[in-house]
């Protein structure tokens, strides 16, 4: 029974994340895309298949010079939380 509840909770969380209006990306310590919700894929303007498993620097040359990349690096290295808004123009 506990396993059924855990599975249902996991499914619920996954569906909520997928349905967010805000883009959500999960990257590993090497800045490889592990997950993007539909909003993030739309913002990326690239197919999910061309992003998943690839490093952000390979998908977006020059991103390493941005404040976004610097802040993501700080979070990955330190494990500290950070919240910021990044606008795509």
PDB file of N, CA and C in Angstrom:
ATOM      1  N   UNK A   1       0.815  -1.196   0.000  1.00  0.00           N
ATOM      2  CA  UNK A   1       0.000   0.000   0.000  1.00  0.00           C
ATOM      3  C   UNK A   1       0.861   1.263   0.000  1.00  0.00           C
ATOM      4  N   UNK A   2       1.905   1.258   0.828  1.00  0.00           N
ATOM      5  CA  UNK A   2       2.795   2.423   0.896  1.00  0.00           C
ATOM      6  C   UNK A   2       3.435   2.697  -0.462  1.00  0.00           C
ATOM      7  N   UNK A   3       3.784   1.634  -1.179  1.00  0.00           N
ATOM      8  CA  UNK A   3       4.392   1.798  -2.499  1.00  0.00           C
ATOM      9  C   UNK A   3       3.399   2.418  -3.480  1.00  0.00           C
ATOM     10  N   UNK A   4       2.146   2.027  -3.405  1.00  0.00           N
ATOM     11  CA  UNK A   4       1.106   2.608  -4.262  1.00  0.00           C
ATOM     12  C   UNK A   4       0.944   4.098  -3.996  1.00  0.00           C
ATOM     13  N   UNK A   5       0.958   4.470  -2.728  1.00  0.00           N
ATOM     14  CA  UNK A   5       0.840   5.885  -2.365  1.00  0.00           C
ATOM     15  C   UNK A   5       2.054   6.662  -2.862  1.00  0.00           C
ATOM     16  N   UNK A   6       3.231   6.114  -2.666  1.00  0.00           N
ATOM     17  CA  UNK A   6       4.457   6.773  -3.130  1.00  0.00           C
ATOM     18  C   UNK A   6       4.432   6.953  -4.642  1.00  0.00           C
ATOM     19  N   UNK A   7       3.990   5.939  -5.371  1.00  0.00           N
ATOM     20  CA  UNK A   7       3.902   6.036  -6.832  1.00  0.00           C
ATOM     21  C   UNK A   7       2.902   7.110  -7.250  1.00  0.00           C
ATOM     22  N   UNK A   8       1.763   7.168  -6.565  1.00  0.00           N
ATOM     23  CA  UNK A   8       0.747   8.175  -6.874  1.00  0.00           C
ATOM     24  C   UNK A   8       1.268   9.579  -6.603  1.00  0.00           C
ATOM     25  N   UNK A   9       1.980   9.739  -5.492  1.00  0.00           N
ATOM     26  CA  UNK A   9       2.567  11.048  -5.169  1.00  0.00           C
ATOM     27  C   UNK A   9       3.602  11.443  -6.211  1.00  0.00           C
ATOM     28  N   UNK A  10       4.428  10.507  -6.632  1.00  0.00           N
ATOM     29  CA  UNK A  10       5.437  10.786  -7.646  1.00  0.00           C
ATOM     30  C   UNK A  10       4.782  11.185  -8.963  1.00  0.00           C
ATOM     31  N   UNK A  11       3.723  10.482  -9.345  1.00  0.00           N
ATOM     32  CA  UNK A  11       2.998  10.815 -10.574  1.00  0.00           C
ATOM     33  C   UNK A  11       2.379  12.204 -10.483  1.00  0.00           C
ATOM     34  N   UNK A  12       1.825  12.536  -9.322  1.00  0.00           N
ATOM     35  CA  UNK A  12       1.222  13.848  -9.128  1.00  0.00           C
ATOM     36  C   UNK A  12       2.268  14.949  -9.236  1.00  0.00           C
ATOM     37  N   UNK A  13       3.394  14.763  -8.586  1.00  0.00           N
ATOM     38  CA  UNK A  13       4.470  15.761  -8.644  1.00  0.00           C
ATOM     39  C   UNK A  13       4.953  15.930 -10.082  1.00  0.00           C
ATOM     40  N   UNK A  14       5.154  14.839 -10.787  1.00  0.00           N
ATOM     41  CA  UNK A  14       5.613  14.906 -12.178  1.00  0.00           C
ATOM     42  C   UNK A  14       4.611  15.644 -13.051  1.00  0.00           C
ATOM     43  N   UNK A  15       3.318  15.397 -12.858  1.00  0.00           N
ATOM     44  CA  UNK A  15       2.323  16.067 -13.693  1.00  0.00           C
ATOM     45  C   UNK A  15       2.229  17.552 -13.365  1.00  0.00           C
ATOM     46  N   UNK A  16       2.400  17.927 -12.092  1.00  0.00           N
ATOM     47  CA  UNK A  16       2.381  19.339 -11.714  1.00  0.00           C
ATOM     48  C   UNK A  16       3.578  20.059 -12.320  1.00  0.00           C
ATOM     49  N   UNK A  17       4.749  19.463 -12.225  1.00  0.00           N
ATOM     50  CA  UNK A  17       5.963  20.072 -12.795  1.00  0.00           C
ATOM     51  C   UNK A  17       5.823  20.229 -14.299  1.00  0.00           C
ATOM     52  N   UNK A  18       5.318  19.210 -14.958  1.00  0.00           N
ATOM     53  CA  UNK A  18       5.166  19.260 -16.420  1.00  0.00           C
ATOM     54  C   UNK A  18       4.193  20.353 -16.839  1.00  0.00           C
ATOM     55  N   UNK A  19       3.193  20.633 -16.007  1.00  0.00           N
ATOM     56  CA  UNK A  19       2.156  21.591 -16.367  1.00  0.00           C
ATOM     57  C   UNK A  19       2.462  23.030 -15.943  1.00  0.00           C
ATOM     58  N   UNK A  20       3.576  23.264 -15.278  1.00  0.00           N
ATOM     59  CA  UNK A  20       3.915  24.620 -14.853  1.00  0.00           C
ATOM     60  C   UNK A  20       3.994  25.569 -16.040  1.00  0.00           C
ATOM     61  N   UNK A  21       3.533  26.799 -15.848  1.00  0.00           N
ATOM     62  CA  UNK A  21       3.671  27.824 -16.882  1.00  0.00           C
ATOM     63  C   UNK A  21       5.111  28.318 -16.968  1.00  0.00           C
ATOM     64  N   UNK A  22       5.844  28.173 -15.882  1.00  0.00           N
ATOM     65  CA  UNK A  22       7.239  28.605 -15.834  1.00  0.00           C
ATOM     66  C   UNK A  22       8.140  27.468 -16.294  1.00  0.00           C
ATOM     67  N   UNK A  23       9.208  27.820 -16.980  1.00  0.00           N
ATOM     68  CA  UNK A  23      10.157  26.820 -17.436  1.00  0.00           C
ATOM     69  C   UNK A  23      10.945  26.240 -16.278  1.00  0.00           C
ATOM     70  N   UNK A  24      11.085  24.937 -16.266  1.00  0.00           N
ATOM     71  CA  UNK A  24      11.858  24.257 -15.235  1.00  0.00           C
ATOM     72  C   UNK A  24      12.863  23.339 -15.921  1.00  0.00           C
ATOM     73  N   UNK A  25      14.124  23.543 -15.586  1.00  0.00           N
ATOM     74  CA  UNK A  25      15.200  22.717 -16.145  1.00  0.00           C
ATOM     75  C   UNK A  25      15.933  22.065 -14.993  1.00  0.00           C
ATOM     76  N   UNK A  26      16.343  20.833 -15.200  1.00  0.00           N
ATOM     77  CA  UNK A  26      17.198  20.164 -14.231  1.00  0.00           C
ATOM     78  C   UNK A  26      18.487  19.819 -14.952  1.00  0.00           C
ATOM     79  N   UNK A  27      19.606  20.284 -14.375  1.00  0.00           N
ATOM     80  CA  UNK A  27      20.928  20.025 -14.944  1.00  0.00           C
ATOM     81  C   UNK A  27      21.758  19.280 -13.920  1.00  0.00           C
ATOM     82  N   UNK A  28      22.721  18.489 -14.402  1.00  0.00           N
ATOM     83  CA  UNK A  28      23.622  17.815 -13.473  1.00  0.00           C
ATOM     84  C   UNK A  28      24.813  18.721 -13.164  1.00  0.00           C
ATOM     85  N   UNK A  29      25.774  18.194 -12.425  1.00  0.00           N
ATOM     86  CA  UNK A  29      26.944  18.979 -12.011  1.00  0.00           C
ATOM     87  C   UNK A  29      27.809  19.433 -13.175  1.00  0.00           C
ATOM     88  N   UNK A  30      27.653  18.796 -14.332  1.00  0.00           N
ATOM     89  CA  UNK A  30      28.411  19.175 -15.529  1.00  0.00           C
ATOM     90  C   UNK A  30      27.597  20.074 -16.449  1.00  0.00           C
ATOM     91  N   UNK A  31      26.476  20.566 -15.950  1.00  0.00           N
ATOM     92  CA  UNK A  31      25.576  21.419 -16.717  1.00  0.00           C
ATOM     93  C   UNK A  31      24.926  20.688 -17.887  1.00  0.00           C
ATOM     94  N   UNK A  32      24.720  19.393 -17.755  1.00  0.00           N
ATOM     95  CA  UNK A  32      23.987  18.618 -18.760  1.00  0.00           C
ATOM     96  C   UNK A  32      22.502  18.651 -18.432  1.00  0.00           C
ATOM     97  N   UNK A  33      21.701  18.831 -19.468  1.00  0.00           N
ATOM     98  CA  UNK A  33      20.255  18.807 -19.285  1.00  0.00           C
ATOM     99  C   UNK A  33      19.798  17.394 -18.947  1.00  0.00           C
ATOM    100  N   UNK A  34      19.101  17.264 -17.816  1.00  0.00           N
ATOM    101  CA  UNK A  34      18.511  15.987 -17.428  1.00  0.00           C
ATOM    102  C   UNK A  34      17.006  15.995 -17.640  1.00  0.00           C
ATOM    103  N   UNK A  35      16.400  17.177 -17.515  1.00  0.00           N
ATOM    104  CA  UNK A  35      14.944  17.292 -17.647  1.00  0.00           C
ATOM    105  C   UNK A  35      14.581  18.723 -18.022  1.00  0.00           C
ATOM    106  N   UNK A  36      13.581  18.868 -18.859  1.00  0.00           N
ATOM    107  CA  UNK A  36      12.971  20.166 -19.154  1.00  0.00           C
ATOM    108  C   UNK A  36      11.469  19.957 -19.221  1.00  0.00           C
ATOM    109  N   UNK A  37      10.703  20.839 -18.565  1.00  0.00           N
ATOM    110  CA  UNK A  37       9.258  20.732 -18.715  1.00  0.00           C
ATOM    111  C   UNK A  37       8.863  21.401 -20.035  1.00  0.00           C
ATOM    112  N   UNK A  38       7.583  21.311 -20.390  1.00  0.00           N
ATOM    113  CA  UNK A  38       7.135  21.834 -21.683  1.00  0.00           C
ATOM    114  C   UNK A  38       7.399  23.328 -21.833  1.00  0.00           C
ATOM    115  N   UNK A  39       7.222  24.097 -20.758  1.00  0.00           N
ATOM    116  CA  UNK A  39       7.469  25.539 -20.822  1.00  0.00           C
ATOM    117  C   UNK A  39       8.944  25.829 -21.104  1.00  0.00           C
ATOM    118  N   UNK A  40       9.838  25.078 -20.492  1.00  0.00           N
ATOM    119  CA  UNK A  40      11.274  25.278 -20.732  1.00  0.00           C
ATOM    120  C   UNK A  40      11.638  24.911 -22.171  1.00  0.00           C
ATOM    121  N   UNK A  41      11.028  23.873 -22.689  1.00  0.00           N
ATOM    122  CA  UNK A  41      11.293  23.479 -24.076  1.00  0.00           C
ATOM    123  C   UNK A  41      10.828  24.576 -25.019  1.00  0.00           C
ATOM    124  N   UNK A  42       9.658  25.126 -24.751  1.00  0.00           N
ATOM    125  CA  UNK A  42       9.139  26.217 -25.575  1.00  0.00           C
ATOM    126  C   UNK A  42      10.062  27.431 -25.517  1.00  0.00           C
ATOM    127  N   UNK A  43      10.544  27.772 -24.321  1.00  0.00           N
ATOM    128  CA  UNK A  43      11.449  28.909 -24.165  1.00  0.00           C
ATOM    129  C   UNK A  43      12.789  28.656 -24.848  1.00  0.00           C
ATOM    130  N   UNK A  44      13.226  27.423 -24.835  1.00  0.00           N
ATOM    131  CA  UNK A  44      14.524  27.073 -25.419  1.00  0.00           C
ATOM    132  C   UNK A  44      14.516  27.224 -26.935  1.00  0.00           C
ATOM    133  N   UNK A  45      13.359  27.091 -27.527  1.00  0.00           N
ATOM    134  CA  UNK A  45      13.191  27.171 -28.974  1.00  0.00           C
ATOM    135  C   UNK A  45      14.046  26.139 -29.701  1.00  0.00           C
ATOM    136  N   UNK A  46      14.298  25.034 -29.022  1.00  0.00           N
ATOM    137  CA  UNK A  46      14.997  23.891 -29.599  1.00  0.00           C
ATOM    138  C   UNK A  46      14.251  22.642 -29.168  1.00  0.00           C
ATOM    139  N   UNK A  47      14.263  21.593 -29.968  1.00  0.00           N
ATOM    140  CA  UNK A  47      13.582  20.365 -29.547  1.00  0.00           C
ATOM    141  C   UNK A  47      14.254  19.754 -28.323  1.00  0.00           C
ATOM    142  N   UNK A  48      13.431  19.163 -27.447  1.00  0.00           N
ATOM    143  CA  UNK A  48      13.959  18.548 -26.229  1.00  0.00           C
ATOM    144  C   UNK A  48      15.053  17.545 -26.560  1.00  0.00           C
ATOM    145  N   UNK A  49      14.884  16.794 -27.633  1.00  0.00           N
ATOM    146  CA  UNK A  49      15.874  15.793 -28.014  1.00  0.00           C
ATOM    147  C   UNK A  49      17.236  16.373 -28.331  1.00  0.00           C
ATOM    148  N   UNK A  50      17.271  17.647 -28.726  1.00  0.00           N
ATOM    149  CA  UNK A  50      18.570  18.264 -29.021  1.00  0.00           C
ATOM    150  C   UNK A  50      19.212  18.847 -27.767  1.00  0.00           C
ATOM    151  N   UNK A  51      18.496  18.839 -26.646  1.00  0.00           N
ATOM    152  CA  UNK A  51      19.018  19.384 -25.395  1.00  0.00           C
ATOM    153  C   UNK A  51      19.359  18.299 -24.378  1.00  0.00           C
ATOM    154  N   UNK A  52      18.474  17.331 -24.213  1.00  0.00           N
ATOM    155  CA  UNK A  52      18.659  16.310 -23.179  1.00  0.00           C
ATOM    156  C   UNK A  52      19.986  15.572 -23.332  1.00  0.00           C
ATOM    157  N   UNK A  53      20.733  15.522 -22.242  1.00  0.00           N
ATOM    158  CA  UNK A  53      22.017  14.839 -22.238  1.00  0.00           C
ATOM    159  C   UNK A  53      23.180  15.698 -22.721  1.00  0.00           C
ATOM    160  N   UNK A  54      22.875  16.883 -23.218  1.00  0.00           N
ATOM    161  CA  UNK A  54      23.939  17.784 -23.694  1.00  0.00           C
ATOM    162  C   UNK A  54      24.195  18.889 -22.684  1.00  0.00           C
ATOM    163  N   UNK A  55      25.405  19.420 -22.709  1.00  0.00           N
ATOM    164  CA  UNK A  55      25.758  20.523 -21.819  1.00  0.00           C
ATOM    165  C   UNK A  55      25.169  21.825 -22.355  1.00  0.00           C
ATOM    166  N   UNK A  56      24.759  22.666 -21.424  1.00  0.00           N
ATOM    167  CA  UNK A  56      24.162  23.940 -21.793  1.00  0.00           C
ATOM    168  C   UNK A  56      25.126  24.785 -22.630  1.00  0.00           C
ATOM    169  N   UNK A  57      26.440  24.676 -22.354  1.00  0.00           N
ATOM    170  CA  UNK A  57      27.423  25.470 -23.111  1.00  0.00           C
ATOM    171  C   UNK A  57      27.537  24.987 -24.555  1.00  0.00           C
ATOM    172  N   UNK A  58      27.203  23.726 -24.807  1.00  0.00           N
ATOM    173  CA  UNK A  58      27.235  23.209 -26.174  1.00  0.00           C
ATOM    174  C   UNK A  58      25.974  23.599 -26.950  1.00  0.00           C
ATOM    175  N   UNK A  59      24.884  23.794 -26.224  1.00  0.00           N
ATOM    176  CA  UNK A  59      23.621  24.174 -26.863  1.00  0.00           C
ATOM    177  C   UNK A  59      23.532  25.678 -27.095  1.00  0.00           C
ATOM    178  N   UNK A  60      24.145  26.433 -26.211  1.00  0.00           N
ATOM    179  CA  UNK A  60      24.073  27.897 -26.262  1.00  0.00           C
ATOM    180  C   UNK A  60      25.469  28.494 -26.110  1.00  0.00           C
ATOM    181  N   UNK A  61      26.238  28.537 -27.189  1.00  0.00           N
ATOM    182  CA  UNK A  61      27.582  29.123 -27.104  1.00  0.00           C
ATOM    183  C   UNK A  61      27.524  30.549 -26.545  1.00  0.00           C
ATOM    184  N   UNK A  62      28.421  30.840 -25.626  1.00  0.00           N
ATOM    185  CA  UNK A  62      28.480  32.153 -25.005  1.00  0.00           C
ATOM    186  C   UNK A  62      27.710  32.254 -23.697  1.00  0.00           C
ATOM    187  N   UNK A  63      26.925  31.230 -23.368  1.00  0.00           N
ATOM    188  CA  UNK A  63      26.134  31.274 -22.137  1.00  0.00           C
ATOM    189  C   UNK A  63      27.022  31.368 -20.908  1.00  0.00           C
ATOM    190  N   UNK A  64      28.243  30.866 -21.003  1.00  0.00           N
ATOM    191  CA  UNK A  64      29.131  30.885 -19.838  1.00  0.00           C
ATOM    192  C   UNK A  64      29.516  32.306 -19.427  1.00  0.00           C
ATOM    193  N   UNK A  65      29.252  33.305 -20.273  1.00  0.00           N
ATOM    194  CA  UNK A  65      29.558  34.697 -19.944  1.00  0.00           C
ATOM    195  C   UNK A  65      28.365  35.417 -19.305  1.00  0.00           C
ATOM    196  N   UNK A  66      27.283  34.703 -19.043  1.00  0.00           N
ATOM    197  CA  UNK A  66      26.071  35.335 -18.505  1.00  0.00           C
ATOM    198  C   UNK A  66      25.984  35.216 -16.983  1.00  0.00           C
ATOM    199  N   UNK A  67      25.217  36.120 -16.398  1.00  0.00           N
ATOM    200  CA  UNK A  67      24.957  36.069 -14.962  1.00  0.00           C
ATOM    201  C   UNK A  67      24.206  34.791 -14.602  1.00  0.00           C
ATOM    202  N   UNK A  68      23.303  34.372 -15.459  1.00  0.00           N
ATOM    203  CA  UNK A  68      22.558  33.131 -15.231  1.00  0.00           C
ATOM    204  C   UNK A  68      23.508  31.956 -15.042  1.00  0.00           C
ATOM    205  N   UNK A  69      24.463  31.802 -15.923  1.00  0.00           N
ATOM    206  CA  UNK A  69      25.409  30.687 -15.862  1.00  0.00           C
ATOM    207  C   UNK A  69      26.263  30.775 -14.598  1.00  0.00           C
ATOM    208  N   UNK A  70      26.706  31.982 -14.261  1.00  0.00           N
ATOM    209  CA  UNK A  70      27.517  32.178 -13.057  1.00  0.00           C
ATOM    210  C   UNK A  70      26.735  31.758 -11.820  1.00  0.00           C
ATOM    211  N   UNK A  71      25.479  32.169 -11.750  1.00  0.00           N
ATOM    212  CA  UNK A  71      24.664  31.830 -10.590  1.00  0.00           C
ATOM    213  C   UNK A  71      24.371  30.337 -10.531  1.00  0.00           C
ATOM    214  N   UNK A  72      24.121  29.721 -11.667  1.00  0.00           N
ATOM    215  CA  UNK A  72      23.897  28.272 -11.677  1.00  0.00           C
ATOM    216  C   UNK A  72      25.146  27.549 -11.194  1.00  0.00           C
ATOM    217  N   UNK A  73      26.317  28.017 -11.617  1.00  0.00           N
ATOM    218  CA  UNK A  73      27.574  27.411 -11.178  1.00  0.00           C
ATOM    219  C   UNK A  73      27.758  27.507  -9.677  1.00  0.00           C
ATOM    220  N   UNK A  74      27.399  28.655  -9.113  1.00  0.00           N
ATOM    221  CA  UNK A  74      27.498  28.840  -7.666  1.00  0.00           C
ATOM    222  C   UNK A  74      26.592  27.853  -6.940  1.00  0.00           C
ATOM    223  N   UNK A  75      25.377  27.685  -7.427  1.00  0.00           N
ATOM    224  CA  UNK A  75      24.437  26.745  -6.806  1.00  0.00           C
ATOM    225  C   UNK A  75      24.956  25.314  -6.916  1.00  0.00           C
ATOM    226  N   UNK A  76      25.446  24.940  -8.087  1.00  0.00           N
ATOM    227  CA  UNK A  76      25.939  23.575  -8.287  1.00  0.00           C
ATOM    228  C   UNK A  76      27.139  23.295  -7.380  1.00  0.00           C
ATOM    229  N   UNK A  77      28.070  24.247  -7.289  1.00  0.00           N
ATOM    230  CA  UNK A  77      29.270  24.037  -6.476  1.00  0.00           C
ATOM    231  C   UNK A  77      28.978  24.051  -4.979  1.00  0.00           C
ATOM    232  N   UNK A  78      28.115  24.962  -4.543  1.00  0.00           N
ATOM    233  CA  UNK A  78      27.912  25.151  -3.104  1.00  0.00           C
ATOM    234  C   UNK A  78      26.710  24.382  -2.553  1.00  0.00           C
ATOM    235  N   UNK A  79      25.766  24.087  -3.412  1.00  0.00           N
ATOM    236  CA  UNK A  79      24.533  23.463  -2.945  1.00  0.00           C
ATOM    237  C   UNK A  79      23.579  24.457  -2.302  1.00  0.00           C
ATOM    238  N   UNK A  80      23.970  25.725  -2.291  1.00  0.00           N
ATOM    239  CA  UNK A  80      23.121  26.771  -1.708  1.00  0.00           C
ATOM    240  C   UNK A  80      21.932  27.053  -2.625  1.00  0.00           C
ATOM    241  N   UNK A  81      20.867  27.513  -2.021  1.00  0.00           N
ATOM    242  CA  UNK A  81      19.689  27.873  -2.800  1.00  0.00           C
ATOM    243  C   UNK A  81      19.859  29.258  -3.394  1.00  0.00           C
ATOM    244  N   UNK A  82      19.207  29.476  -4.510  1.00  0.00           N
ATOM    245  CA  UNK A  82      19.205  30.791  -5.144  1.00  0.00           C
ATOM    246  C   UNK A  82      17.895  30.914  -5.898  1.00  0.00           C
ATOM    247  N   UNK A  83      17.374  32.083  -5.960  1.00  0.00           N
ATOM    248  CA  UNK A  83      16.156  32.337  -6.735  1.00  0.00           C
ATOM    249  C   UNK A  83      16.395  33.577  -7.566  1.00  0.00           C
ATOM    250  N   UNK A  84      16.075  33.487  -8.830  1.00  0.00           N
ATOM    251  CA  UNK A  84      16.223  34.635  -9.712  1.00  0.00           C
ATOM    252  C   UNK A  84      15.343  34.432 -10.926  1.00  0.00           C
ATOM    253  N   UNK A  85      15.082  35.522 -11.572  1.00  0.00           N
ATOM    254  CA  UNK A  85      14.262  35.486 -12.771  1.00  0.00           C
ATOM    255  C   UNK A  85      15.151  35.807 -13.961  1.00  0.00           C
ATOM    256  N   UNK A  86      15.049  34.992 -14.962  1.00  0.00           N
ATOM    257  CA  UNK A  86      15.837  35.196 -16.173  1.00  0.00           C
ATOM    258  C   UNK A  86      14.861  35.452 -17.314  1.00  0.00           C
ATOM    259  N   UNK A  87      14.989  36.572 -17.947  1.00  0.00           N
ATOM    260  CA  UNK A  87      14.098  36.903 -19.070  1.00  0.00           C
ATOM    261  C   UNK A  87      14.794  36.605 -20.385  1.00  0.00           C
ATOM    262  N   UNK A  88      14.056  35.934 -21.252  1.00  0.00           N
ATOM    263  CA  UNK A  88      14.561  35.623 -22.577  1.00  0.00           C
ATOM    264  C   UNK A  88      14.031  36.676 -23.537  1.00  0.00           C
ATOM    265  N   UNK A  89      14.910  37.316 -24.234  1.00  0.00           N
ATOM    266  CA  UNK A  89      14.518  38.378 -25.173  1.00  0.00           C
ATOM    267  C   UNK A  89      14.583  37.859 -26.592  1.00  0.00           C
TER     268      UNK A  89
END
